[in-house]
């Protein structure tokens, strides 16, 4: 039997274990990277910049390409879908 992997509603990070969720709370729809230590959620600009940095480091993309990819990855996720201009 295969378990379902929950993805962060803010950045799409796969949350396979409780500690992957913000505050290690499996009911939190956002991951540890998108949740501040006080439990508040990080704003779009912080999530976007972190995603761009990760893409540049992991995929060796130039900033402009990383920005385009980040927009395509996160702009339609539940946290941002109806929030962006």
Protein backbone atom coordinates (compact mmCIF):
# COMPACT_ATOMS: atom_id res chain seq x y z
CA UNK A 1 0.00 0.00 0.00
CA UNK A 2 1.39 3.37 -1.07
CA UNK A 3 0.98 6.40 1.20
CA UNK A 4 0.01 9.79 -0.14
CA UNK A 5 2.62 12.51 0.10
CA UNK A 6 1.21 15.87 1.15
CA UNK A 7 2.80 18.90 -0.47
CA UNK A 8 3.16 22.34 1.07
CA UNK A 9 0.37 24.64 -0.07
CA UNK A 10 2.87 27.50 -0.26
CA UNK A 11 5.97 26.10 -2.02
CA UNK A 12 5.08 22.55 -3.09
CA UNK A 13 7.68 20.89 -0.83
CA UNK A 14 6.80 17.22 -0.23
CA UNK A 15 5.99 16.66 3.44
CA UNK A 16 6.58 12.97 4.07
CA UNK A 17 7.04 13.11 7.85
CA UNK A 18 5.56 15.19 10.68
CA UNK A 19 8.81 17.13 11.05
CA UNK A 20 8.50 18.31 7.42
CA UNK A 21 5.38 20.28 8.39
CA UNK A 22 5.62 23.69 10.00
CA UNK A 23 6.14 23.33 13.75
CA UNK A 24 6.26 19.53 13.15
CA UNK A 25 2.44 19.63 13.16
CA UNK A 26 1.05 17.22 10.55
CA UNK A 27 -2.15 19.29 10.36
CA UNK A 28 -0.17 22.35 9.22
CA UNK A 29 -0.67 22.73 5.44
CA UNK A 30 2.67 24.52 5.08
CA UNK A 31 6.15 23.09 5.42
CA UNK A 32 8.88 23.92 7.90
CA UNK A 33 10.45 26.28 5.35
CA UNK A 34 7.25 28.32 4.88
CA UNK A 35 6.34 28.55 8.57
CA UNK A 36 8.06 30.93 11.00
CA UNK A 37 9.11 29.70 14.47
CA UNK A 38 6.10 31.50 15.98
CA UNK A 39 3.73 29.53 13.72
CA UNK A 40 2.96 32.39 11.33
CA UNK A 41 3.31 31.82 7.62
CA UNK A 42 6.04 33.41 5.55
CA UNK A 43 4.86 35.94 2.96
CA UNK A 44 4.98 35.30 -0.77
CA UNK A 45 8.14 37.34 -1.37
CA UNK A 46 10.12 35.23 1.13
CA UNK A 47 8.83 31.95 -0.29
CA UNK A 48 9.54 33.17 -3.83
CA UNK A 49 13.11 34.24 -3.00
CA UNK A 50 13.84 30.97 -1.20
CA UNK A 51 12.51 29.02 -4.18
CA UNK A 52 14.63 31.07 -6.61
CA UNK A 53 17.74 30.51 -4.47
CA UNK A 54 17.07 26.77 -4.25
CA UNK A 55 16.57 26.49 -8.01
CA UNK A 56 19.78 28.39 -8.69
CA UNK A 57 21.75 26.17 -6.31
CA UNK A 58 20.17 22.79 -7.07
CA UNK A 59 19.37 23.14 -10.78
CA UNK A 60 22.19 25.56 -11.61
CA UNK A 61 19.77 28.00 -13.23
CA UNK A 62 20.54 31.63 -13.90
CA UNK A 63 18.48 34.03 -11.79
CA UNK A 64 16.09 35.00 -14.59
CA UNK A 65 15.36 31.35 -15.45
CA UNK A 66 15.02 30.50 -11.76
CA UNK A 67 12.50 33.31 -11.31
CA UNK A 68 10.40 32.09 -14.24
CA UNK A 69 10.50 28.55 -12.91
CA UNK A 70 9.63 29.68 -9.38
CA UNK A 71 6.62 31.60 -10.68
CA UNK A 72 5.43 28.55 -12.60
CA UNK A 73 5.92 26.32 -9.54
CA UNK A 74 4.32 28.39 -6.79
CA UNK A 75 1.93 30.96 -8.26
CA UNK A 76 -0.91 28.47 -8.65
CA UNK A 77 -0.48 26.69 -5.33
CA UNK A 78 -3.40 27.02 -2.89
CA UNK A 79 -1.67 29.61 -0.69
CA UNK A 80 -1.21 32.05 -3.57
CA UNK A 81 -3.72 31.05 -6.26
CA UNK A 82 -6.20 33.89 -5.68
CA UNK A 83 -3.85 36.22 -3.81
CA UNK A 84 -1.61 37.50 -6.59
CA UNK A 85 -2.38 40.40 -8.96
